[in-house]
Protein backbone atom coordinates (compact mmCIF):
# COMPACT_ATOMS: atom_id res chain seq x y z
CA UNK A 1 2.54 25.08 8.59
CA UNK A 2 4.33 25.58 5.30
CA UNK A 3 4.38 22.08 3.88
CA UNK A 4 6.57 23.04 0.94
CA UNK A 5 9.34 24.24 3.25
CA UNK A 6 8.70 21.49 5.79
CA UNK A 7 8.70 18.76 3.17
CA UNK A 8 11.98 19.96 1.70
CA UNK A 9 13.50 20.18 5.18
CA UNK A 10 12.46 16.61 6.02
CA UNK A 11 13.68 15.28 2.69
CA UNK A 12 17.03 17.04 3.18
CA UNK A 13 17.41 15.24 6.51
CA UNK A 14 16.93 11.88 4.82
CA UNK A 15 13.26 11.19 5.43
CA UNK A 16 11.87 9.05 2.62
CA UNK A 17 8.29 8.49 3.86
CA UNK A 18 5.52 9.95 5.96
CA UNK A 19 2.53 8.25 7.56
CA UNK A 20 -0.87 9.87 7.15
CA UNK A 21 -4.26 8.70 8.45
CA UNK A 22 -5.76 6.39 5.88
CA UNK A 23 -9.32 7.72 6.39
CA UNK A 24 -8.77 11.13 8.01
CA UNK A 25 -12.47 12.02 8.28
CA UNK A 26 -12.83 9.25 10.86
CA UNK A 27 -10.39 11.11 13.11
CA UNK A 28 -12.03 14.51 12.82
CA UNK A 29 -9.88 15.82 9.97
CA UNK A 30 -11.20 16.91 6.58
CA UNK A 31 -11.98 14.13 4.12
CA UNK A 32 -9.21 12.93 1.84
CA UNK A 33 -11.34 14.44 -0.94
CA UNK A 34 -10.84 17.89 0.60
CA UNK A 35 -8.24 20.35 -0.74
CA UNK A 36 -6.98 20.66 2.84
CA UNK A 37 -4.54 17.86 1.97
CA UNK A 38 -3.16 19.46 -1.21
CA UNK A 39 -0.13 21.22 0.33
CA UNK A 40 1.24 18.17 2.14
CA UNK A 41 0.62 15.81 -0.78
CA UNK A 42 2.17 18.22 -3.26
CA UNK A 43 5.21 18.51 -0.96
CA UNK A 44 5.45 14.71 -0.81
CA UNK A 45 5.29 14.50 -4.59
CA UNK A 46 7.91 17.20 -5.06
CA UNK A 47 10.36 15.60 -2.61
CA UNK A 48 9.78 11.94 -3.49
CA UNK A 49 8.38 11.28 -0.02
CA UNK A 50 6.24 8.14 -0.01
CA UNK A 51 2.84 8.43 1.68
CA UNK A 52 2.32 5.37 3.88
CA UNK A 53 -1.21 4.42 4.88
CA UNK A 54 -1.22 1.89 7.69
CA UNK A 55 -4.44 0.00 8.06
CA UNK A 56 -6.55 0.67 11.14
CA UNK A 57 -5.63 4.00 12.78
CA UNK A 58 -8.93 5.51 11.63
CA UNK A 59 -10.92 2.69 13.20
CA UNK A 60 -13.14 -0.01 11.75
CA UNK A 61 -16.32 2.04 11.65
CA UNK A 62 -19.44 0.71 13.30
CA UNK A 63 -18.47 -2.08 15.67
CA UNK A 64 -21.41 -4.49 16.17
CA UNK A 65 -23.02 -4.30 19.62
CA UNK A 66 -21.99 -7.02 22.03
CA UNK A 67 -18.77 -7.95 20.26
CA UNK A 68 -16.49 -6.88 23.11
CA UNK A 69 -15.27 -10.41 23.67
CA UNK A 70 -14.41 -10.78 19.97
CA UNK A 71 -13.03 -7.33 19.20
CA UNK A 72 -9.37 -8.40 19.37
CA UNK A 73 -9.71 -11.04 16.63
CA UNK A 74 -12.39 -9.08 14.76
CA UNK A 75 -10.27 -6.06 13.93
CA UNK A 76 -7.28 -7.83 12.33
CA UNK A 77 -9.62 -10.18 10.47
CA UNK A 78 -10.98 -7.26 8.45
CA UNK A 79 -7.62 -5.58 7.76
CA UNK A 80 -7.93 -6.40 4.06
CA UNK A 81 -11.40 -4.88 3.92
CA UNK A 82 -10.19 -1.73 5.69
CA UNK A 83 -7.25 -1.35 3.33
CA UNK A 84 -9.52 -1.88 0.33
CA UNK A 85 -11.82 0.90 1.55
CA UNK A 86 -8.99 3.34 2.21
CA UNK A 87 -7.15 2.59 -1.02
CA UNK A 88 -10.32 3.05 -3.05
CA UNK A 89 -10.99 6.42 -1.42
CA UNK A 90 -7.44 7.62 -2.04
CA UNK A 91 -7.57 6.39 -5.63
CA UNK A 92 -10.83 8.20 -6.47
CA UNK A 93 -9.67 11.31 -4.62
CA UNK A 94 -7.28 11.56 -7.56
CA UNK A 95 -4.23 12.90 -5.75
CA UNK A 96 -1.75 10.82 -7.74
CA UNK A 97 -3.40 12.02 -10.94
CA UNK A 98 -3.12 15.63 -9.77
CA UNK A 99 0.46 15.13 -8.55
CA UNK A 100 1.93 12.47 -10.88
CA UNK A 101 5.07 11.90 -8.80
CA UNK A 102 3.08 11.04 -5.67
CA UNK A 103 3.50 7.46 -4.45
CA UNK A 104 1.24 5.72 -1.92
CA UNK A 105 2.05 2.55 0.04
CA UNK A 106 -0.67 0.53 1.75
CA UNK A 107 0.68 -1.09 4.91
CA UNK A 108 -0.54 -4.31 6.55
CA UNK A 109 -3.58 -4.74 4.33
CA UNK A 110 -2.32 -7.73 2.37
CA UNK A 111 -2.85 -8.19 -1.35
CA UNK A 112 -5.86 -10.51 -1.54
CA UNK A 113 -8.18 -7.66 -2.50
CA UNK A 114 -5.99 -5.77 -4.97
CA UNK A 115 -6.58 -7.82 -8.14
CA UNK A 116 -10.29 -7.84 -7.35
CA UNK A 117 -10.24 -4.03 -7.03
CA UNK A 118 -8.49 -3.71 -10.39
CA UNK A 119 -11.11 -5.96 -11.97
CA UNK A 120 -13.88 -3.89 -10.42
CA UNK A 121 -12.37 -0.65 -11.68
CA UNK A 122 -12.22 -2.04 -15.21
CA UNK A 123 -15.82 -3.17 -14.86
CA UNK A 124 -16.91 0.34 -13.87
CA UNK A 125 -15.20 1.91 -16.87
CA UNK A 126 -16.18 -0.66 -19.48
CA UNK A 127 -19.76 -1.40 -18.42
CA UNK A 128 -20.93 1.65 -16.50
CA UNK A 129 -18.86 4.41 -18.04
CA UNK A 130 -17.66 5.68 -14.66
CA UNK A 131 -14.14 6.98 -14.20
CA UNK A 132 -13.66 8.16 -17.78
CA UNK A 133 -12.39 11.63 -16.84
CA UNK A 134 -8.77 10.57 -16.36
CA UNK A 135 -6.16 10.22 -19.09
CA UNK A 136 -5.31 6.76 -17.71
CA UNK A 137 -7.68 4.02 -16.68
CA UNK A 138 -8.27 3.92 -12.92
CA UNK A 139 -6.95 0.35 -12.70
CA UNK A 140 -3.73 1.49 -14.38
CA UNK A 141 -3.44 4.40 -11.91
CA UNK A 142 -3.84 1.86 -9.10
CA UNK A 143 -1.07 -0.34 -10.47
CA UNK A 144 1.22 2.60 -11.23
CA UNK A 145 0.93 4.80 -8.14
CA UNK A 146 0.13 2.42 -5.26
CA UNK A 147 2.27 -0.20 -3.53
CA UNK A 148 0.99 -3.08 -1.39
CA UNK A 149 2.45 -4.95 1.59
CA UNK A 150 1.93 -8.60 2.39
CA UNK A 151 2.99 -10.93 5.18
CA UNK A 152 2.61 -13.96 2.91
CA UNK A 153 -0.88 -14.22 1.30
CA UNK A 154 -0.36 -17.87 0.37
CA UNK A 155 -3.74 -18.20 -1.38
CA UNK A 156 -3.47 -14.97 -3.37
CA UNK A 157 0.23 -14.48 -4.10
CA UNK A 158 -0.47 -16.01 -7.51
CA UNK A 159 -2.49 -12.90 -8.40
CA UNK A 160 0.74 -10.90 -8.27
CA UNK A 161 0.95 -10.32 -12.03
CA UNK A 162 -2.57 -8.85 -12.08
CA UNK A 163 -1.35 -6.42 -9.39
CA UNK A 164 2.18 -5.81 -10.64
CA UNK A 165 5.15 -7.75 -9.30
CA UNK A 166 7.10 -4.50 -8.91
CA UNK A 167 4.49 -3.07 -6.52
CA UNK A 168 4.32 -5.77 -3.84
CA UNK A 169 6.52 -5.75 -0.72
CA UNK A 170 6.93 -8.26 2.06
CA UNK A 171 6.35 -7.17 5.66
CA UNK A 172 7.12 -8.86 8.96
CA UNK A 173 4.84 -6.91 11.37
CA UNK A 174 7.13 -7.43 14.37
CA UNK A 175 6.19 -7.45 17.26
CA UNK A 176 2.46 -7.91 16.64
CA UNK A 177 0.45 -11.12 16.58
CA UNK A 178 0.57 -11.34 12.79
CA UNK A 179 4.36 -11.27 12.78
CA UNK A 180 6.30 -14.05 11.09
CA UNK A 181 9.47 -13.21 13.06
CA UNK A 182 11.73 -15.08 13.78
CA UNK A 183 10.55 -17.57 11.15
CA UNK A 184 10.04 -15.14 8.28
CA UNK A 185 12.36 -16.87 5.82
CA UNK A 186 10.73 -20.25 6.45
CA UNK A 187 7.24 -18.78 6.09
CA UNK A 188 8.13 -17.08 2.81
CA UNK A 189 9.78 -20.22 1.49
CA UNK A 190 6.67 -22.27 2.29
CA UNK A 191 4.26 -19.77 0.72
CA UNK A 192 6.37 -18.41 -2.13
CA UNK A 193 8.89 -21.17 -2.84
CA UNK A 194 7.25 -21.84 -6.22
CA UNK A 195 7.83 -18.25 -7.39
CA UNK A 196 10.77 -17.48 -9.70
CA UNK A 197 13.84 -16.42 -7.74
CA UNK A 198 14.00 -13.00 -9.41
CA UNK A 199 10.41 -12.29 -8.38
CA UNK A 200 11.05 -13.33 -4.80
CA UNK A 201 13.98 -10.92 -4.62
CA UNK A 202 11.71 -8.13 -5.83
CA UNK A 203 9.00 -8.92 -3.32
CA UNK A 204 11.38 -9.38 -0.39
CA UNK A 205 13.65 -6.37 -0.81
CA UNK A 206 14.21 -4.88 -4.26
CA UNK A 207 10.78 -3.27 -4.62
CA UNK A 208 11.00 -1.62 -1.21
CA UNK A 209 14.55 -0.48 -1.90
CA UNK A 210 13.45 1.14 -5.15
CA UNK A 211 10.36 2.80 -3.67
CA UNK A 212 12.11 4.20 -0.60
CA UNK A 213 15.43 4.81 -2.40
CA UNK A 214 17.30 2.60 0.03
CA UNK A 215 20.61 1.05 -1.06
CA UNK A 216 21.00 -2.71 -1.11
CA UNK A 217 24.20 -4.76 -0.84
CA UNK A 218 25.66 -6.04 -4.09
CA UNK A 219 24.21 -9.50 -3.52
CA UNK A 220 20.79 -10.19 -1.98
CA UNK A 221 18.95 -13.39 -1.24
CA UNK A 222 17.63 -15.59 -2.60
CA UNK A 223 20.45 -16.21 -5.02
CA UNK A 224 19.64 -17.31 -8.51
CA UNK A 225 18.98 -16.11 -12.06
CA UNK A 226 17.95 -12.50 -12.58
CA UNK A 227 15.10 -13.42 -14.95
């Protein structure tokens, strides 16, 4: 189809995001490195439509033989690993460099791996000389063009400044097993209560509102200083 026309039509109807397969080659589509994806991604960039990559639809790759009895807990255990793999592929595919207004949101992968990925990208540039063909450092492209969702990440929320506080969004995952509903506020308070109030507001609603251009009421919780 004509993605330019289709993207404009969807944007005109109020659509702010589209979900694409995070590793399309696993589903029989061309690789994310293939120009097949250029029309839809250019249309998303032109219309401000966020590309959402939910972890898992493309599968977890080679499942070990005999793990049938453990497959239910196995798959969600490696969500972070799957999101890391997909995000790295999308980053090096260079679509956000080619289309600077393109924005990508990683869904349900957590944030525990993001600071590590940024460190690794810097390592590649500084020690190996890889990734020098872009105007910006790959780690800076990651922090600028990608957003990350977290249920709570109590052990790694303190890496938020290495990721970018403006690029982290809370998720609830209702009605799945990971969901914090109906105790989301209590869970967030327990895991993030030590964070400055202004940062918690960003993580819980303001970042998502800015990314998806969704209006917020005049006052949002938690109340407190803006800095």
